[in-house]
Amino acid sequence: MRGSGIQVAKLAIGAYDASVFTFAGYTSAGLLVNPGVSIFGASTQIGTVRAGVTIAPPAAIPGIGALPFSLEVTGVSNFVGNTNQLGLYTCNGASIFNGTQTTNGINTVNAASIFNGAVTVNGATIINGAATVNGAFVATNATINPQAWKGFDIKHPKKPNKRIRHICVEGPEAAIYIRGVLKDSNTITLPEYWDGLVDPESITVQLTSIGEYQCLCYKIVDNKVIVKNHNDFSIHCSYSIWASRIDGEPLIVEYEGESPKDYPGGPDQFSIAGYDYGRNIQ
């Protein structure tokens, strides 16, 4: 303790003490300086020291018993540097990460998470809430409920405080489609970019008459779908046209394996949700 009023209630342990120079204007009580190893609680660490500060649960307190936590922080905690998570991490509230995060163990997130920096996951990751990643995301063994439906969630365009959730269609092929309504015409022009992108033999067309019954049929000529009805009357119908992608290897729908890394085909035509997003494939 110093009598000048600049520094009070200080405890220094060890021979070297540079705090007088570092905290020359320190006026708050409770400064602890220890240039050596500090152990708080009933640590069971044996062997080579791994950390300058070790925090463990205290021994059982008479009348209270063993406390459940080693460390509980009620206020804001700042980590200026890398943070390595080697064990179980459970987050029951919102998390915002503005720097690099590396997870080497199980990471369970039960609420919304926002990552503004790079994220590297070397262990299993289970996300039960929304996750937004604004930086690079590399997952070497991540799991986001791989059997779950794939979908998206947006604000309701007309009703305040409501949202809309849709689920993606799944199928045993990489396919694209166009749809629309044909009226007072018998020609549907397929997109120019379909040439070389789809297998022309895979094109299927569904026609549904509008207003009254029509016996509709079609044929494909020069990248156009020509529609006819039974009496050459004016046509009014809706249409849906699907085709399979022809670029890349054929999709292997069913295969033996324990994870997506066992897929026997090439990895360049897809990115599996929850497994290999962030491979930087353009």
C-alpha atoms as a PDB file:
ATOM      1  CA  MET A   1       0.000   0.000   0.000  1.00  0.00           C
ATOM      2  CA  ARG A   2       1.303   3.453  -0.856  1.00  0.00           C
ATOM      3  CA  GLY A   3       0.501   6.505   1.175  1.00  0.00           C
ATOM      4  CA  SER A   4       0.600   8.963  -1.730  1.00  0.00           C
ATOM      5  CA  GLY A   5      -2.957   8.082  -2.824  1.00  0.00           C
ATOM      6  CA  ILE A   6      -1.837   6.909  -6.235  1.00  0.00           C
ATOM      7  CA  GLN A   7      -1.973   3.200  -5.473  1.00  0.00           C
ATOM      8  CA  VAL A   8      -3.658   1.294  -2.646  1.00  0.00           C
ATOM      9  CA  ALA A   9      -4.374  -2.309  -1.613  1.00  0.00           C
ATOM     10  CA  LYS A  10      -1.669  -3.897  -3.712  1.00  0.00           C
ATOM     11  CA  LEU A  11      -0.348  -7.441  -3.251  1.00  0.00           C
ATOM     12  CA  ALA A  12       2.902  -8.336  -4.995  1.00  0.00           C
ATOM     13  CA  ILE A  13       4.220 -11.925  -5.106  1.00  0.00           C
ATOM     14  CA  GLY A  14       7.671 -12.754  -6.427  1.00  0.00           C
ATOM     15  CA  ALA A  15      10.934 -10.898  -6.903  1.00  0.00           C
ATOM     16  CA  TYR A  16      10.144  -8.937 -10.063  1.00  0.00           C
ATOM     17  CA  ASP A  17       7.532  -6.162  -9.916  1.00  0.00           C
ATOM     18  CA  ALA A  18       7.133  -3.702 -12.794  1.00  0.00           C
ATOM     19  CA  SER A  19       3.598  -2.651 -11.867  1.00  0.00           C
ATOM     20  CA  VAL A  20       4.777   0.625 -10.364  1.00  0.00           C
ATOM     21  CA  PHE A  21       5.902   1.674 -13.813  1.00  0.00           C
ATOM     22  CA  THR A  22       3.049   0.059 -15.698  1.00  0.00           C
ATOM     23  CA  PHE A  23       0.245   1.305 -13.450  1.00  0.00           C
ATOM     24  CA  ALA A  24       1.764   4.549 -12.201  1.00  0.00           C
ATOM     25  CA  GLY A  25      -1.637   6.238 -12.167  1.00  0.00           C
ATOM     26  CA  TYR A  26      -3.560   3.298 -10.744  1.00  0.00           C
ATOM     27  CA  THR A  27      -5.921   4.569  -8.025  1.00  0.00           C
ATOM     28  CA  SER A  28      -8.443   1.729  -7.535  1.00  0.00           C
ATOM     29  CA  ALA A  29      -8.045  -0.815  -4.769  1.00  0.00           C
ATOM     30  CA  GLY A  30      -7.346  -4.485  -5.462  1.00  0.00           C
ATOM     31  CA  LEU A  31      -4.230  -4.817  -7.590  1.00  0.00           C
ATOM     32  CA  LEU A  32      -2.569  -8.261  -7.612  1.00  0.00           C
ATOM     33  CA  VAL A  33       0.815  -8.770  -9.233  1.00  0.00           C
ATOM     34  CA  ASN A  34       2.275 -12.256  -9.608  1.00  0.00           C
ATOM     35  CA  PRO A  35       5.028 -12.948 -12.148  1.00  0.00           C
ATOM     36  CA  GLY A  36       4.790 -16.684 -11.419  1.00  0.00           C
ATOM     37  CA  VAL A  37       2.124 -19.382 -11.685  1.00  0.00           C
ATOM     38  CA  SER A  38      -1.235 -18.798  -9.956  1.00  0.00           C
ATOM     39  CA  ILE A  39      -3.615 -21.631  -9.008  1.00  0.00           C
ATOM     40  CA  PHE A  40      -7.103 -20.857  -7.701  1.00  0.00           C
ATOM     41  CA  GLY A  41      -9.345 -23.625  -6.389  1.00  0.00           C
ATOM     42  CA  ALA A  42      -8.765 -27.342  -5.897  1.00  0.00           C
ATOM     43  CA  SER A  43      -6.850 -28.008  -9.113  1.00  0.00           C
ATOM     44  CA  THR A  44      -6.069 -31.631  -9.923  1.00  0.00           C
ATOM     45  CA  GLN A  45      -3.471 -30.659 -12.512  1.00  0.00           C
ATOM     46  CA  ILE A  46      -0.466 -32.994 -12.237  1.00  0.00           C
ATOM     47  CA  GLY A  47       2.798 -32.855 -14.101  1.00  0.00           C
ATOM     48  CA  THR A  48       4.016 -30.099 -16.394  1.00  0.00           C
ATOM     49  CA  VAL A  49       2.373 -26.736 -15.793  1.00  0.00           C
ATOM     50  CA  ARG A  50       0.228 -25.765 -18.788  1.00  0.00           C
ATOM     51  CA  ALA A  51      -0.955 -22.272 -17.835  1.00  0.00           C
ATOM     52  CA  GLY A  52       0.194 -19.254 -15.897  1.00  0.00           C
ATOM     53  CA  VAL A  53      -3.215 -19.129 -14.206  1.00  0.00           C
ATOM     54  CA  THR A  54      -5.207 -22.263 -13.395  1.00  0.00           C
ATOM     55  CA  ILE A  55      -8.786 -21.924 -12.110  1.00  0.00           C
ATOM     56  CA  ALA A  56     -10.571 -24.968 -10.699  1.00  0.00           C
ATOM     57  CA  PRO A  57     -13.650 -25.543  -8.516  1.00  0.00           C
ATOM     58  CA  PRO A  58     -12.890 -25.089  -4.819  1.00  0.00           C
ATOM     59  CA  ALA A  59     -12.933 -28.001  -2.428  1.00  0.00           C
ATOM     60  CA  ALA A  60     -16.339 -28.843  -0.986  1.00  0.00           C
ATOM     61  CA  ILE A  61     -17.483 -26.134   1.414  1.00  0.00           C
ATOM     62  CA  PRO A  62     -18.984 -27.402   4.716  1.00  0.00           C
ATOM     63  CA  GLY A  63     -22.723 -26.835   4.740  1.00  0.00           C
ATOM     64  CA  ILE A  64     -22.747 -25.894   1.044  1.00  0.00           C
ATOM     65  CA  GLY A  65     -21.058 -28.726  -0.772  1.00  0.00           C
ATOM     66  CA  ALA A  66     -19.131 -28.546  -4.033  1.00  0.00           C
ATOM     67  CA  LEU A  67     -19.801 -25.530  -6.229  1.00  0.00           C
ATOM     68  CA  PRO A  68     -20.855 -26.300  -9.827  1.00  0.00           C
ATOM     69  CA  PHE A  69     -18.570 -23.854 -11.642  1.00  0.00           C
ATOM     70  CA  SER A  70     -14.884 -23.018 -11.698  1.00  0.00           C
ATOM     71  CA  LEU A  71     -15.458 -19.469 -12.916  1.00  0.00           C
ATOM     72  CA  GLU A  72     -18.554 -17.322 -13.286  1.00  0.00           C
ATOM     73  CA  VAL A  73     -18.366 -13.880 -14.889  1.00  0.00           C
ATOM     74  CA  THR A  74     -21.382 -11.629 -14.393  1.00  0.00           C
ATOM     75  CA  GLY A  75     -20.157  -8.703 -16.451  1.00  0.00           C
ATOM     76  CA  VAL A  76     -18.471  -8.213 -19.805  1.00  0.00           C
ATOM     77  CA  SER A  77     -15.330 -10.268 -20.514  1.00  0.00           C
ATOM     78  CA  ASN A  78     -12.753  -9.078 -23.016  1.00  0.00           C
ATOM     79  CA  PHE A  79     -10.361 -11.527 -24.709  1.00  0.00           C
ATOM     80  CA  VAL A  80      -7.593  -9.746 -26.607  1.00  0.00           C
ATOM     81  CA  GLY A  81      -5.931 -12.623 -28.448  1.00  0.00           C
ATOM     82  CA  ASN A  82      -6.704 -16.148 -29.569  1.00  0.00           C
ATOM     83  CA  THR A  83      -9.222 -18.171 -27.562  1.00  0.00           C
ATOM     84  CA  ASN A  84      -8.916 -21.961 -27.808  1.00  0.00           C
ATOM     85  CA  GLN A  85     -11.922 -24.049 -26.761  1.00  0.00           C
ATOM     86  CA  LEU A  86     -10.726 -27.585 -25.890  1.00  0.00           C
ATOM     87  CA  GLY A  87     -13.832 -28.923 -24.136  1.00  0.00           C
ATOM     88  CA  LEU A  88     -17.614 -28.677 -24.157  1.00  0.00           C
ATOM     89  CA  TYR A  89     -19.014 -25.246 -24.981  1.00  0.00           C
ATOM     90  CA  THR A  90     -22.730 -24.648 -24.387  1.00  0.00           C
ATOM     91  CA  CYS A  91     -24.269 -21.301 -25.314  1.00  0.00           C
ATOM     92  CA  ASN A  92     -27.866 -20.696 -24.196  1.00  0.00           C
ATOM     93  CA  GLY A  93     -27.916 -17.020 -25.185  1.00  0.00           C
ATOM     94  CA  ALA A  94     -26.992 -14.919 -28.185  1.00  0.00           C
ATOM     95  CA  SER A  95     -23.304 -14.920 -29.128  1.00  0.00           C
ATOM     96  CA  ILE A  96     -21.442 -12.304 -31.144  1.00  0.00           C
ATOM     97  CA  PHE A  97     -17.868 -13.062 -32.221  1.00  0.00           C
ATOM     98  CA  ASN A  98     -15.886 -10.184 -33.702  1.00  0.00           C
ATOM     99  CA  GLY A  99     -12.564 -12.016 -34.004  1.00  0.00           C
ATOM    100  CA  THR A 100     -11.140 -15.386 -34.891  1.00  0.00           C
ATOM    101  CA  GLN A 101     -12.729 -18.374 -33.162  1.00  0.00           C
ATOM    102  CA  THR A 102     -11.247 -21.875 -33.155  1.00  0.00           C
ATOM    103  CA  THR A 103     -13.221 -24.752 -31.646  1.00  0.00           C
ATOM    104  CA  ASN A 104     -11.438 -28.065 -31.062  1.00  0.00           C
ATOM    105  CA  GLY A 105     -14.171 -29.754 -29.042  1.00  0.00           C
ATOM    106  CA  ILE A 106     -17.944 -30.091 -28.975  1.00  0.00           C
ATOM    107  CA  ASN A 107     -19.704 -26.778 -29.535  1.00  0.00           C
ATOM    108  CA  THR A 108     -23.456 -26.591 -28.859  1.00  0.00           C
ATOM    109  CA  VAL A 109     -25.273 -23.358 -29.681  1.00  0.00           C
ATOM    110  CA  ASN A 110     -28.921 -23.097 -28.629  1.00  0.00           C
ATOM    111  CA  ALA A 111     -29.490 -19.489 -29.670  1.00  0.00           C
ATOM    112  CA  ALA A 112     -28.655 -17.050 -32.433  1.00  0.00           C
ATOM    113  CA  SER A 113     -24.963 -16.570 -33.203  1.00  0.00           C
ATOM    114  CA  ILE A 114     -23.260 -13.864 -35.230  1.00  0.00           C
ATOM    115  CA  PHE A 115     -19.670 -14.345 -36.389  1.00  0.00           C
ATOM    116  CA  ASN A 116     -17.950 -11.232 -37.722  1.00  0.00           C
ATOM    117  CA  GLY A 117     -14.568 -12.918 -38.101  1.00  0.00           C
ATOM    118  CA  ALA A 118     -13.094 -16.174 -39.301  1.00  0.00           C
ATOM    119  CA  VAL A 119     -14.506 -19.380 -37.781  1.00  0.00           C
ATOM    120  CA  THR A 120     -12.581 -22.656 -37.704  1.00  0.00           C
ATOM    121  CA  VAL A 121     -14.303 -25.746 -36.295  1.00  0.00           C
ATOM    122  CA  ASN A 122     -12.178 -28.860 -35.693  1.00  0.00           C
ATOM    123  CA  GLY A 123     -14.791 -30.733 -33.672  1.00  0.00           C
ATOM    124  CA  ALA A 124     -18.510 -31.420 -33.765  1.00  0.00           C
ATOM    125  CA  THR A 125     -20.766 -28.370 -33.904  1.00  0.00           C
ATOM    126  CA  ILE A 126     -24.499 -28.509 -33.235  1.00  0.00           C
ATOM    127  CA  ILE A 127     -26.431 -25.327 -34.038  1.00  0.00           C
ATOM    128  CA  ASN A 128     -30.064 -25.273 -32.918  1.00  0.00           C
ATOM    129  CA  GLY A 129     -30.585 -21.596 -33.722  1.00  0.00           C
ATOM    130  CA  ALA A 130     -29.815 -19.208 -36.558  1.00  0.00           C
ATOM    131  CA  ALA A 131     -26.155 -18.695 -37.445  1.00  0.00           C
ATOM    132  CA  THR A 132     -24.798 -15.759 -39.435  1.00  0.00           C
ATOM    133  CA  VAL A 133     -21.186 -15.897 -40.610  1.00  0.00           C
ATOM    134  CA  ASN A 134     -19.749 -12.677 -42.073  1.00  0.00           C
ATOM    135  CA  GLY A 135     -16.238 -14.088 -42.485  1.00  0.00           C
ATOM    136  CA  ALA A 136     -14.637 -17.291 -43.693  1.00  0.00           C
ATOM    137  CA  PHE A 137     -16.122 -20.503 -42.283  1.00  0.00           C
ATOM    138  CA  VAL A 138     -14.037 -23.679 -42.283  1.00  0.00           C
ATOM    139  CA  ALA A 139     -15.555 -26.832 -40.818  1.00  0.00           C
ATOM    140  CA  THR A 140     -13.487 -30.007 -40.697  1.00  0.00           C
ATOM    141  CA  ASN A 141     -15.987 -32.049 -38.695  1.00  0.00           C
ATOM    142  CA  ALA A 142     -19.105 -29.957 -38.169  1.00  0.00           C
ATOM    143  CA  THR A 143     -22.651 -31.231 -37.805  1.00  0.00           C
ATOM    144  CA  ILE A 144     -25.691 -29.021 -38.265  1.00  0.00           C
ATOM    145  CA  ASN A 145     -28.287 -31.762 -37.979  1.00  0.00           C
ATOM    146  CA  PRO A 146     -27.478 -33.349 -41.367  1.00  0.00           C
ATOM    147  CA  GLN A 147     -30.888 -35.058 -41.554  1.00  0.00           C
ATOM    148  CA  ALA A 148     -32.773 -31.803 -41.044  1.00  0.00           C
ATOM    149  CA  TRP A 149     -34.798 -30.107 -43.741  1.00  0.00           C
ATOM    150  CA  LYS A 150     -32.942 -27.401 -45.681  1.00  0.00           C
ATOM    151  CA  GLY A 151     -34.749 -24.103 -45.801  1.00  0.00           C
ATOM    152  CA  PHE A 152     -34.684 -20.362 -45.349  1.00  0.00           C
ATOM    153  CA  ASP A 153     -36.405 -17.912 -43.022  1.00  0.00           C
ATOM    154  CA  ILE A 154     -37.435 -14.340 -43.970  1.00  0.00           C
ATOM    155  CA  LYS A 155     -39.526 -11.469 -42.639  1.00  0.00           C
ATOM    156  CA  HIS A 156     -43.169 -11.534 -43.671  1.00  0.00           C
ATOM    157  CA  PRO A 157     -43.571  -9.042 -46.563  1.00  0.00           C
ATOM    158  CA  LYS A 158     -47.025  -7.834 -45.413  1.00  0.00           C
ATOM    159  CA  LYS A 159     -47.550  -8.634 -41.731  1.00  0.00           C
ATOM    160  CA  PRO A 160     -45.420  -6.913 -39.039  1.00  0.00           C
ATOM    161  CA  ASN A 161     -43.738  -9.097 -36.410  1.00  0.00           C
ATOM    162  CA  LYS A 162     -44.307 -12.237 -38.463  1.00  0.00           C
ATOM    163  CA  ARG A 163     -41.939 -14.412 -40.465  1.00  0.00           C
ATOM    164  CA  ILE A 164     -42.130 -16.993 -43.252  1.00  0.00           C
ATOM    165  CA  ARG A 165     -40.167 -20.237 -43.369  1.00  0.00           C
ATOM    166  CA  HIS A 166     -39.914 -22.374 -46.528  1.00  0.00           C
ATOM    167  CA  ILE A 167     -38.184 -25.712 -47.028  1.00  0.00           C
ATOM    168  CA  CYS A 168     -36.113 -26.589 -50.095  1.00  0.00           C
ATOM    169  CA  VAL A 169     -37.269 -29.290 -52.492  1.00  0.00           C
ATOM    170  CA  GLU A 170     -35.050 -32.380 -52.521  1.00  0.00           C
ATOM    171  CA  GLY A 171     -34.510 -34.769 -55.390  1.00  0.00           C
ATOM    172  CA  PRO A 172     -32.101 -37.365 -56.812  1.00  0.00           C
ATOM    173  CA  GLU A 173     -30.690 -35.032 -59.480  1.00  0.00           C
ATOM    174  CA  ALA A 174     -29.254 -31.581 -60.051  1.00  0.00           C
ATOM    175  CA  ALA A 175     -32.164 -29.989 -61.911  1.00  0.00           C
ATOM    176  CA  ILE A 176     -33.393 -26.560 -63.010  1.00  0.00           C
ATOM    177  CA  TYR A 177     -36.825 -25.407 -64.114  1.00  0.00           C
ATOM    178  CA  ILE A 178     -38.873 -22.607 -65.654  1.00  0.00           C
ATOM    179  CA  ARG A 179     -42.611 -22.072 -65.307  1.00  0.00           C
ATOM    180  CA  GLY A 180     -45.238 -19.619 -66.479  1.00  0.00           C
ATOM    181  CA  VAL A 181     -48.520 -19.085 -68.348  1.00  0.00           C
ATOM    182  CA  LEU A 182     -48.997 -19.388 -72.103  1.00  0.00           C
ATOM    183  CA  LYS A 183     -51.894 -17.405 -73.660  1.00  0.00           C
ATOM    184  CA  ASP A 184     -52.772 -16.672 -77.282  1.00  0.00           C
ATOM    185  CA  SER A 185     -49.505 -18.266 -78.345  1.00  0.00           C
ATOM    186  CA  ASN A 186     -48.276 -21.774 -78.958  1.00  0.00           C
ATOM    187  CA  THR A 187     -44.551 -21.247 -78.316  1.00  0.00           C
ATOM    188  CA  ILE A 188     -42.508 -21.357 -75.140  1.00  0.00           C
ATOM    189  CA  THR A 189     -38.913 -20.249 -75.721  1.00  0.00           C
ATOM    190  CA  LEU A 190     -36.471 -22.068 -73.474  1.00  0.00           C
ATOM    191  CA  PRO A 191     -33.677 -19.986 -71.876  1.00  0.00           C
ATOM    192  CA  GLU A 192     -30.703 -19.498 -74.175  1.00  0.00           C
ATOM    193  CA  TYR A 193     -28.336 -20.603 -71.406  1.00  0.00           C
ATOM    194  CA  TRP A 194     -29.957 -24.040 -71.281  1.00  0.00           C
ATOM    195  CA  ASP A 195     -27.954 -24.989 -74.363  1.00  0.00           C
ATOM    196  CA  GLY A 196     -24.900 -26.743 -72.928  1.00  0.00           C
ATOM    197  CA  LEU A 197     -26.208 -26.563 -69.337  1.00  0.00           C
ATOM    198  CA  VAL A 198     -28.945 -29.209 -69.436  1.00  0.00           C
ATOM    199  CA  ASP A 199     -29.359 -32.622 -70.995  1.00  0.00           C
ATOM    200  CA  PRO A 200     -31.949 -32.051 -73.784  1.00  0.00           C
ATOM    201  CA  GLU A 201     -33.122 -35.642 -73.469  1.00  0.00           C
ATOM    202  CA  SER A 202     -34.096 -34.991 -69.834  1.00  0.00           C
ATOM    203  CA  ILE A 203     -36.506 -32.105 -70.524  1.00  0.00           C
ATOM    204  CA  THR A 204     -40.030 -32.717 -69.232  1.00  0.00           C
ATOM    205  CA  VAL A 205     -43.035 -30.440 -69.767  1.00  0.00           C
ATOM    206  CA  GLN A 206     -46.240 -30.285 -67.719  1.00  0.00           C
ATOM    207  CA  LEU A 207     -49.176 -28.387 -69.274  1.00  0.00           C
ATOM    208  CA  THR A 208     -52.412 -27.523 -67.453  1.00  0.00           C
ATOM    209  CA  SER A 209     -55.343 -25.920 -69.308  1.00  0.00           C
ATOM    210  CA  ILE A 210     -56.869 -22.734 -67.874  1.00  0.00           C
ATOM    211  CA  GLY A 211     -60.565 -21.824 -68.059  1.00  0.00           C
ATOM    212  CA  GLU A 212     -61.788 -24.809 -70.034  1.00  0.00           C
ATOM    213  CA  TYR A 213     -60.642 -28.269 -70.949  1.00  0.00           C
ATOM    214  CA  GLN A 214     -58.040 -28.547 -73.688  1.00  0.00           C
ATOM    215  CA  CYS A 215     -56.300 -31.660 -74.929  1.00  0.00           C
ATOM    216  CA  LEU A 216     -52.756 -30.331 -74.935  1.00  0.00           C
ATOM    217  CA  CYS A 217     -49.573 -31.807 -76.336  1.00  0.00           C
ATOM    218  CA  TYR A 218     -46.110 -30.501 -77.182  1.00  0.00           C
ATOM    219  CA  LYS A 219     -42.906 -31.037 -79.110  1.00  0.00           C
ATOM    220  CA  ILE A 220     -39.463 -29.445 -78.739  1.00  0.00           C
ATOM    221  CA  VAL A 221     -37.916 -27.796 -81.794  1.00  0.00           C
ATOM    222  CA  ASP A 222     -34.841 -25.530 -81.882  1.00  0.00           C
ATOM    223  CA  ASN A 223     -34.867 -24.739 -78.148  1.00  0.00           C
ATOM    224  CA  LYS A 224     -38.603 -24.012 -78.241  1.00  0.00           C
ATOM    225  CA  VAL A 225     -41.578 -25.903 -76.838  1.00  0.00           C
ATOM    226  CA  ILE A 226     -44.387 -25.919 -79.417  1.00  0.00           C
ATOM    227  CA  VAL A 227     -47.821 -26.503 -77.812  1.00  0.00           C
ATOM    228  CA  LYS A 228     -50.907 -27.730 -79.661  1.00  0.00           C
ATOM    229  CA  ASN A 229     -54.475 -28.535 -78.619  1.00  0.00           C
ATOM    230  CA  HIS A 230     -56.987 -30.913 -80.167  1.00  0.00           C
ATOM    231  CA  ASN A 231     -58.701 -28.419 -82.501  1.00  0.00           C
ATOM    232  CA  ASP A 232     -55.971 -25.824 -83.011  1.00  0.00           C
ATOM    233  CA  PHE A 233     -57.932 -23.398 -80.806  1.00  0.00           C
ATOM    234  CA  SER A 234     -56.302 -20.515 -78.996  1.00  0.00           C
ATOM    235  CA  ILE A 235     -54.168 -21.859 -76.183  1.00  0.00           C
ATOM    236  CA  HIS A 236     -54.396 -20.763 -72.540  1.00  0.00           C
ATOM    237  CA  CYS A 237     -52.449 -22.920 -70.120  1.00  0.00           C
ATOM    238  CA  SER A 238     -49.840 -22.931 -67.373  1.00  0.00           C
ATOM    239  CA  TYR A 239     -46.571 -24.782 -67.806  1.00  0.00           C
ATOM    240  CA  SER A 240     -43.708 -26.179 -65.776  1.00  0.00           C
ATOM    241  CA  ILE A 241     -40.558 -27.326 -67.570  1.00  0.00           C
ATOM    242  CA  TRP A 242     -37.741 -29.218 -65.811  1.00  0.00           C
ATOM    243  CA  ALA A 243     -34.367 -30.461 -66.998  1.00  0.00           C
ATOM    244  CA  SER A 244     -31.302 -32.145 -65.509  1.00  0.00           C
ATOM    245  CA  ARG A 245     -27.921 -30.407 -65.422  1.00  0.00           C
ATOM    246  CA  ILE A 246     -25.399 -31.987 -67.756  1.00  0.00           C
ATOM    247  CA  ASP A 247     -22.230 -30.364 -66.408  1.00  0.00           C
ATOM    248  CA  GLY A 248     -20.196 -32.336 -63.893  1.00  0.00           C
ATOM    249  CA  GLU A 249     -20.374 -35.959 -62.862  1.00  0.00           C
ATOM    250  CA  PRO A 250     -23.707 -37.782 -62.492  1.00  0.00           C
ATOM    251  CA  LEU A 251     -25.058 -37.647 -58.943  1.00  0.00           C
ATOM    252  CA  ILE A 252     -24.541 -40.822 -56.910  1.00  0.00           C
ATOM    253  CA  VAL A 253     -27.693 -40.850 -54.796  1.00  0.00           C
ATOM    254  CA  GLU A 254     -26.977 -43.822 -52.527  1.00  0.00           C
ATOM    255  CA  TYR A 255     -23.517 -44.866 -51.352  1.00  0.00           C
ATOM    256  CA  GLU A 256     -21.754 -46.593 -48.479  1.00  0.00           C
ATOM    257  CA  GLY A 257     -20.065 -44.447 -45.840  1.00  0.00           C
ATOM    258  CA  GLU A 258     -20.190 -42.837 -42.418  1.00  0.00           C
ATOM    259  CA  SER A 259     -19.963 -39.170 -43.472  1.00  0.00           C
ATOM    260  CA  PRO A 260     -20.042 -37.006 -46.647  1.00  0.00           C
ATOM    261  CA  LYS A 261     -16.273 -37.445 -47.009  1.00  0.00           C
ATOM    262  CA  ASP A 262     -16.977 -41.048 -48.071  1.00  0.00           C
ATOM    263  CA  TYR A 263     -18.868 -39.890 -51.192  1.00  0.00           C
ATOM    264  CA  PRO A 264     -17.329 -41.828 -54.116  1.00  0.00           C
ATOM    265  CA  GLY A 265     -17.802 -39.033 -56.653  1.00  0.00           C
ATOM    266  CA  GLY A 266     -15.965 -35.765 -57.187  1.00  0.00           C
ATOM    267  CA  PRO A 267     -16.369 -32.890 -54.678  1.00  0.00           C
ATOM    268  CA  ASP A 268     -16.481 -29.972 -57.117  1.00  0.00           C
ATOM    269  CA  GLN A 269     -20.167 -29.764 -58.005  1.00  0.00           C
ATOM    270  CA  PHE A 270     -21.720 -29.293 -54.577  1.00  0.00           C
ATOM    271  CA  SER A 271     -21.391 -28.024 -51.044  1.00  0.00           C
ATOM    272  CA  ILE A 272     -23.080 -30.112 -48.386  1.00  0.00           C
ATOM    273  CA  ALA A 273     -25.019 -28.072 -45.793  1.00  0.00           C
ATOM    274  CA  GLY A 274     -23.455 -28.449 -42.355  1.00  0.00           C
ATOM    275  CA  TYR A 275     -20.380 -30.259 -43.657  1.00  0.00           C
ATOM    276  CA  ASP A 276     -18.209 -28.428 -46.133  1.00  0.00           C
ATOM    277  CA  TYR A 277     -19.404 -24.859 -46.592  1.00  0.00           C
ATOM    278  CA  GLY A 278     -16.409 -22.581 -46.705  1.00  0.00           C
ATOM    279  CA  ARG A 279     -14.205 -24.627 -49.038  1.00  0.00           C
ATOM    280  CA  ASN A 280     -13.738 -21.399 -51.037  1.00  0.00           C
ATOM    281  CA  ILE A 281     -14.983 -23.043 -54.239  1.00  0.00           C
ATOM    282  CA  GLN A 282     -16.093 -20.305 -56.627  1.00  0.00           C
END
